Amino acid sequence: MIAKDVRLRWPDSLAEGADGSIYVTASHIQDMAQFHEQGSTQKGQWELFWIASPHARA
């Protein structure tokens, strides 16, 4: 496991930056109206998470 966060519930894709950092997008598909009788529970369209490389120089 490289990251754990309650906001990171449905990660869609990830990419590695030139410095080794990881970028993860989460579109919150699970919050869309078709999954909830009361309608959408989305608070935003998507989020971008940044995970610093453990090998990055300070």
PDB file of N, CA and C in Angstrom:
ATOM      1  N   MET A   1       0.848  -1.164   0.000  1.00  0.00           N
ATOM      2  CA  MET A   1       0.000   0.000   0.000  1.00  0.00           C
ATOM      3  C   MET A   1       0.898   1.233   0.000  1.00  0.00           C
ATOM      4  N   ILE A   2       0.575   2.175  -0.880  1.00  0.00           N
ATOM      5  CA  ILE A   2       1.354   3.410  -0.937  1.00  0.00           C
ATOM      6  C   ILE A   2       0.587   4.608  -0.397  1.00  0.00           C
ATOM      7  N   ALA A   3      -0.739   4.478  -0.291  1.00  0.00           N
ATOM      8  CA  ALA A   3      -1.550   5.580   0.226  1.00  0.00           C
ATOM      9  C   ALA A   3      -2.842   5.050   0.806  1.00  0.00           C
ATOM     10  N   LYS A   4      -3.302   5.712   1.861  1.00  0.00           N
ATOM     11  CA  LYS A   4      -4.584   5.379   2.464  1.00  0.00           C
ATOM     12  C   LYS A   4      -5.224   6.686   2.904  1.00  0.00           C
ATOM     13  N   ASP A   5      -6.421   6.940   2.396  1.00  0.00           N
ATOM     14  CA  ASP A   5      -7.127   8.171   2.703  1.00  0.00           C
ATOM     15  C   ASP A   5      -8.610   7.907   2.488  1.00  0.00           C
ATOM     16  N   VAL A   6      -9.475   8.355   3.385  1.00  0.00           N
ATOM     17  CA  VAL A   6     -10.911   8.105   3.260  1.00  0.00           C
ATOM     18  C   VAL A   6     -11.492   8.734   2.001  1.00  0.00           C
ATOM     19  N   ARG A   7     -10.855   9.790   1.471  1.00  0.00           N
ATOM     20  CA  ARG A   7     -11.334  10.436   0.246  1.00  0.00           C
ATOM     21  C   ARG A   7     -10.984   9.641  -1.007  1.00  0.00           C
ATOM     22  N   LEU A   8     -10.046   8.748  -0.918  1.00  0.00           N
ATOM     23  CA  LEU A   8      -9.578   7.972  -2.064  1.00  0.00           C
ATOM     24  C   LEU A   8     -10.346   6.655  -2.113  1.00  0.00           C
ATOM     25  N   ARG A   9     -11.618   6.735  -2.549  1.00  0.00           N
ATOM     26  CA  ARG A   9     -12.497   5.576  -2.518  1.00  0.00           C
ATOM     27  C   ARG A   9     -12.649   4.898  -3.870  1.00  0.00           C
ATOM     28  N   TRP A  10     -12.470   5.614  -4.954  1.00  0.00           N
ATOM     29  CA  TRP A  10     -12.648   5.030  -6.280  1.00  0.00           C
ATOM     30  C   TRP A  10     -11.567   5.591  -7.191  1.00  0.00           C
ATOM     31  N   PRO A  11     -10.312   5.180  -6.993  1.00  0.00           N
ATOM     32  CA  PRO A  11      -9.245   5.714  -7.842  1.00  0.00           C
ATOM     33  C   PRO A  11      -9.424   5.236  -9.281  1.00  0.00           C
ATOM     34  N   ASP A  12      -9.289   6.162 -10.234  1.00  0.00           N
ATOM     35  CA  ASP A  12      -9.509   5.851 -11.643  1.00  0.00           C
ATOM     36  C   ASP A  12      -8.219   5.562 -12.398  1.00  0.00           C
ATOM     37  N   SER A  13      -7.257   6.410 -12.193  1.00  0.00           N
ATOM     38  CA  SER A  13      -6.018   6.264 -12.948  1.00  0.00           C
ATOM     39  C   SER A  13      -4.877   6.816 -12.123  1.00  0.00           C
ATOM     40  N   LEU A  14      -3.682   6.478 -12.520  1.00  0.00           N
ATOM     41  CA  LEU A  14      -2.522   7.017 -11.842  1.00  0.00           C
ATOM     42  C   LEU A  14      -1.414   7.252 -12.848  1.00  0.00           C
ATOM     43  N   ALA A  15      -0.504   8.140 -12.471  1.00  0.00           N
ATOM     44  CA  ALA A  15       0.644   8.452 -13.314  1.00  0.00           C
ATOM     45  C   ALA A  15       1.824   8.735 -12.403  1.00  0.00           C
ATOM     46  N   GLU A  16       3.002   8.507 -12.933  1.00  0.00           N
ATOM     47  CA  GLU A  16       4.219   8.791 -12.188  1.00  0.00           C
ATOM     48  C   GLU A  16       4.861  10.050 -12.748  1.00  0.00           C
ATOM     49  N   GLY A  17       5.181  10.993 -11.879  1.00  0.00           N
ATOM     50  CA  GLY A  17       5.845  12.214 -12.293  1.00  0.00           C
ATOM     51  C   GLY A  17       7.332  11.986 -12.492  1.00  0.00           C
ATOM     52  N   ALA A  18       7.998  12.950 -13.086  1.00  0.00           N
ATOM     53  CA  ALA A  18       9.434  12.847 -13.375  1.00  0.00           C
ATOM     54  C   ALA A  18      10.266  12.646 -12.110  1.00  0.00           C
ATOM     55  N   ASP A  19       9.782  13.160 -10.980  1.00  0.00           N
ATOM     56  CA  ASP A  19      10.515  13.021  -9.715  1.00  0.00           C
ATOM     57  C   ASP A  19      10.143  11.759  -8.942  1.00  0.00           C
ATOM     58  N   GLY A  20       9.275  10.917  -9.519  1.00  0.00           N
ATOM     59  CA  GLY A  20       8.860   9.689  -8.853  1.00  0.00           C
ATOM     60  C   GLY A  20       7.580   9.818  -8.054  1.00  0.00           C
ATOM     61  N   SER A  21       7.033  11.026  -7.967  1.00  0.00           N
ATOM     62  CA  SER A  21       5.756  11.214  -7.275  1.00  0.00           C
ATOM     63  C   SER A  21       4.650  10.505  -8.044  1.00  0.00           C
ATOM     64  N   ILE A  22       3.597  10.121  -7.335  1.00  0.00           N
ATOM     65  CA  ILE A  22       2.452   9.451  -7.941  1.00  0.00           C
ATOM     66  C   ILE A  22       1.265  10.401  -7.910  1.00  0.00           C
ATOM     67  N   TYR A  23       0.551  10.484  -9.022  1.00  0.00           N
ATOM     68  CA  TYR A  23      -0.668  11.289  -9.135  1.00  0.00           C
ATOM     69  C   TYR A  23      -1.828  10.342  -9.390  1.00  0.00           C
ATOM     70  N   VAL A  24      -2.901  10.485  -8.620  1.00  0.00           N
ATOM     71  CA  VAL A  24      -4.052   9.599  -8.722  1.00  0.00           C
ATOM     72  C   VAL A  24      -5.312  10.449  -8.875  1.00  0.00           C
ATOM     73  N   THR A  25      -6.171  10.085  -9.838  1.00  0.00           N
ATOM     74  CA  THR A  25      -7.452  10.771  -9.983  1.00  0.00           C
ATOM     75  C   THR A  25      -8.555   9.900  -9.402  1.00  0.00           C
ATOM     76  N   ALA A  26      -9.577  10.555  -8.880  1.00  0.00           N
ATOM     77  CA  ALA A  26     -10.755   9.865  -8.351  1.00  0.00           C
ATOM     78  C   ALA A  26     -11.983  10.629  -8.821  1.00  0.00           C
ATOM     79  N   SER A  27     -12.836   9.969  -9.608  1.00  0.00           N
ATOM     80  CA  SER A  27     -14.005  10.648 -10.177  1.00  0.00           C
ATOM     81  C   SER A  27     -15.268  10.467  -9.349  1.00  0.00           C
ATOM     82  N   HIS A  28     -15.209   9.703  -8.291  1.00  0.00           N
ATOM     83  CA  HIS A  28     -16.355   9.494  -7.398  1.00  0.00           C
ATOM     84  C   HIS A  28     -17.545   8.879  -8.122  1.00  0.00           C
ATOM     85  N   ILE A  29     -17.279   7.942  -8.983  1.00  0.00           N
ATOM     86  CA  ILE A  29     -18.336   7.255  -9.730  1.00  0.00           C
ATOM     87  C   ILE A  29     -19.374   6.664  -8.783  1.00  0.00           C
ATOM     88  N   GLN A  30     -18.937   6.166  -7.639  1.00  0.00           N
ATOM     89  CA  GLN A  30     -19.839   5.521  -6.688  1.00  0.00           C
ATOM     90  C   GLN A  30     -20.854   6.490  -6.097  1.00  0.00           C
ATOM     91  N   ASP A  31     -20.663   7.805  -6.279  1.00  0.00           N
ATOM     92  CA  ASP A  31     -21.576   8.806  -5.740  1.00  0.00           C
ATOM     93  C   ASP A  31     -22.615   9.287  -6.757  1.00  0.00           C
ATOM     94  N   MET A  32     -22.576   8.762  -7.965  1.00  0.00           N
ATOM     95  CA  MET A  32     -23.503   9.198  -9.015  1.00  0.00           C
ATOM     96  C   MET A  32     -24.934   8.758  -8.708  1.00  0.00           C
ATOM     97  N   ALA A  33     -25.896   9.468  -9.264  1.00  0.00           N
ATOM     98  CA  ALA A  33     -27.323   9.257  -8.974  1.00  0.00           C
ATOM     99  C   ALA A  33     -27.784   7.821  -9.214  1.00  0.00           C
ATOM    100  N   GLN A  34     -27.281   7.167 -10.245  1.00  0.00           N
ATOM    101  CA  GLN A  34     -27.757   5.814 -10.553  1.00  0.00           C
ATOM    102  C   GLN A  34     -27.397   4.783  -9.475  1.00  0.00           C
ATOM    103  N   PHE A  35     -26.544   5.138  -8.529  1.00  0.00           N
ATOM    104  CA  PHE A  35     -26.176   4.226  -7.453  1.00  0.00           C
ATOM    105  C   PHE A  35     -26.897   4.544  -6.139  1.00  0.00           C
ATOM    106  N   HIS A  36     -27.735   5.587  -6.125  1.00  0.00           N
ATOM    107  CA  HIS A  36     -28.402   6.015  -4.891  1.00  0.00           C
ATOM    108  C   HIS A  36     -29.856   6.377  -5.166  1.00  0.00           C
ATOM    109  N   GLU A  37     -30.753   5.828  -4.395  1.00  0.00           N
ATOM    110  CA  GLU A  37     -32.179   6.118  -4.572  1.00  0.00           C
ATOM    111  C   GLU A  37     -32.496   7.604  -4.362  1.00  0.00           C
ATOM    112  N   GLN A  38     -31.795   8.263  -3.471  1.00  0.00           N
ATOM    113  CA  GLN A  38     -32.058   9.665  -3.178  1.00  0.00           C
ATOM    114  C   GLN A  38     -31.373  10.612  -4.161  1.00  0.00           C
ATOM    115  N   GLY A  39     -30.668  10.108  -5.128  1.00  0.00           N
ATOM    116  CA  GLY A  39     -29.978  10.942  -6.115  1.00  0.00           C
ATOM    117  C   GLY A  39     -28.490  11.018  -5.845  1.00  0.00           C
ATOM    118  N   SER A  40     -27.841  11.854  -6.588  1.00  0.00           N
ATOM    119  CA  SER A  40     -26.389  11.983  -6.502  1.00  0.00           C
ATOM    120  C   SER A  40     -25.951  12.458  -5.119  1.00  0.00           C
ATOM    121  N   THR A  41     -24.859  11.893  -4.643  1.00  0.00           N
ATOM    122  CA  THR A  41     -24.256  12.334  -3.389  1.00  0.00           C
ATOM    123  C   THR A  41     -22.904  12.997  -3.653  1.00  0.00           C
ATOM    124  N   GLN A  42     -22.629  13.303  -4.912  1.00  0.00           N
ATOM    125  CA  GLN A  42     -21.353  13.916  -5.282  1.00  0.00           C
ATOM    126  C   GLN A  42     -21.232  15.314  -4.709  1.00  0.00           C
ATOM    127  N   LYS A  43     -20.052  15.620  -4.183  1.00  0.00           N
ATOM    128  CA  LYS A  43     -19.756  16.951  -3.672  1.00  0.00           C
ATOM    129  C   LYS A  43     -18.861  17.707  -4.648  1.00  0.00           C
ATOM    130  N   GLY A  44     -18.327  17.022  -5.601  1.00  0.00           N
ATOM    131  CA  GLY A  44     -17.459  17.596  -6.618  1.00  0.00           C
ATOM    132  C   GLY A  44     -17.350  16.619  -7.770  1.00  0.00           C
ATOM    133  N   GLN A  45     -16.794  17.062  -8.871  1.00  0.00           N
ATOM    134  CA  GLN A  45     -16.717  16.184 -10.029  1.00  0.00           C
ATOM    135  C   GLN A  45     -15.583  15.179  -9.934  1.00  0.00           C
ATOM    136  N   TRP A  46     -14.446  15.599  -9.418  1.00  0.00           N
ATOM    137  CA  TRP A  46     -13.308  14.703  -9.324  1.00  0.00           C
ATOM    138  C   TRP A  46     -12.286  15.308  -8.358  1.00  0.00           C
ATOM    139  N   GLU A  47     -11.283  14.501  -8.009  1.00  0.00           N
ATOM    140  CA  GLU A  47     -10.184  14.971  -7.160  1.00  0.00           C
ATOM    141  C   GLU A  47      -8.880  14.457  -7.727  1.00  0.00           C
ATOM    142  N   LEU A  48      -7.812  15.171  -7.463  1.00  0.00           N
ATOM    143  CA  LEU A  48      -6.468  14.758  -7.847  1.00  0.00           C
ATOM    144  C   LEU A  48      -5.649  14.639  -6.571  1.00  0.00           C
ATOM    145  N   PHE A  49      -5.035  13.491  -6.389  1.00  0.00           N
ATOM    146  CA  PHE A  49      -4.205  13.240  -5.215  1.00  0.00           C
ATOM    147  C   PHE A  49      -2.745  13.169  -5.636  1.00  0.00           C
ATOM    148  N   TRP A  50      -1.890  13.724  -4.809  1.00  0.00           N
ATOM    149  CA  TRP A  50      -0.457  13.696  -5.044  1.00  0.00           C
ATOM    150  C   TRP A  50       0.216  12.937  -3.917  1.00  0.00           C
ATOM    151  N   ILE A  51       1.030  11.964  -4.270  1.00  0.00           N
ATOM    152  CA  ILE A  51       1.760  11.162  -3.283  1.00  0.00           C
ATOM    153  C   ILE A  51       3.234  11.399  -3.546  1.00  0.00           C
ATOM    154  N   ALA A  52       3.898  12.013  -2.592  1.00  0.00           N
ATOM    155  CA  ALA A  52       5.306  12.336  -2.757  1.00  0.00           C
ATOM    156  C   ALA A  52       6.143  11.074  -2.882  1.00  0.00           C
ATOM    157  N   SER A  53       7.150  11.150  -3.706  1.00  0.00           N
ATOM    158  CA  SER A  53       8.060  10.019  -3.859  1.00  0.00           C
ATOM    159  C   SER A  53       8.881   9.827  -2.586  1.00  0.00           C
ATOM    160  N   PRO A  54       9.014   8.603  -2.119  1.00  0.00           N
ATOM    161  CA  PRO A  54       9.853   8.380  -0.933  1.00  0.00           C
ATOM    162  C   PRO A  54      11.332   8.577  -1.260  1.00  0.00           C
ATOM    163  N   HIS A  55      11.648   8.673  -2.550  1.00  0.00           N
ATOM    164  CA  HIS A  55      13.044   8.821  -2.987  1.00  0.00           C
ATOM    165  C   HIS A  55      13.367  10.245  -3.400  1.00  0.00           C
ATOM    166  N   ALA A  56      12.402  11.167  -3.295  1.00  0.00           N
ATOM    167  CA  ALA A  56      12.636  12.556  -3.703  1.00  0.00           C
ATOM    168  C   ALA A  56      13.635  13.212  -2.761  1.00  0.00           C
ATOM    169  N   ARG A  57      14.429  14.074  -3.323  1.00  0.00           N
ATOM    170  CA  ARG A  57      15.412  14.800  -2.511  1.00  0.00           C
ATOM    171  C   ARG A  57      14.748  16.006  -1.855  1.00  0.00           C
ATOM    172  N   ALA A  58      15.055  16.235  -0.607  1.00  0.00           N
ATOM    173  CA  ALA A  58      14.470  17.361   0.128  1.00  0.00           C
ATOM    174  C   ALA A  58      15.157  18.654  -0.207  1.00  0.00           C
TER     175      ALA A  58
END
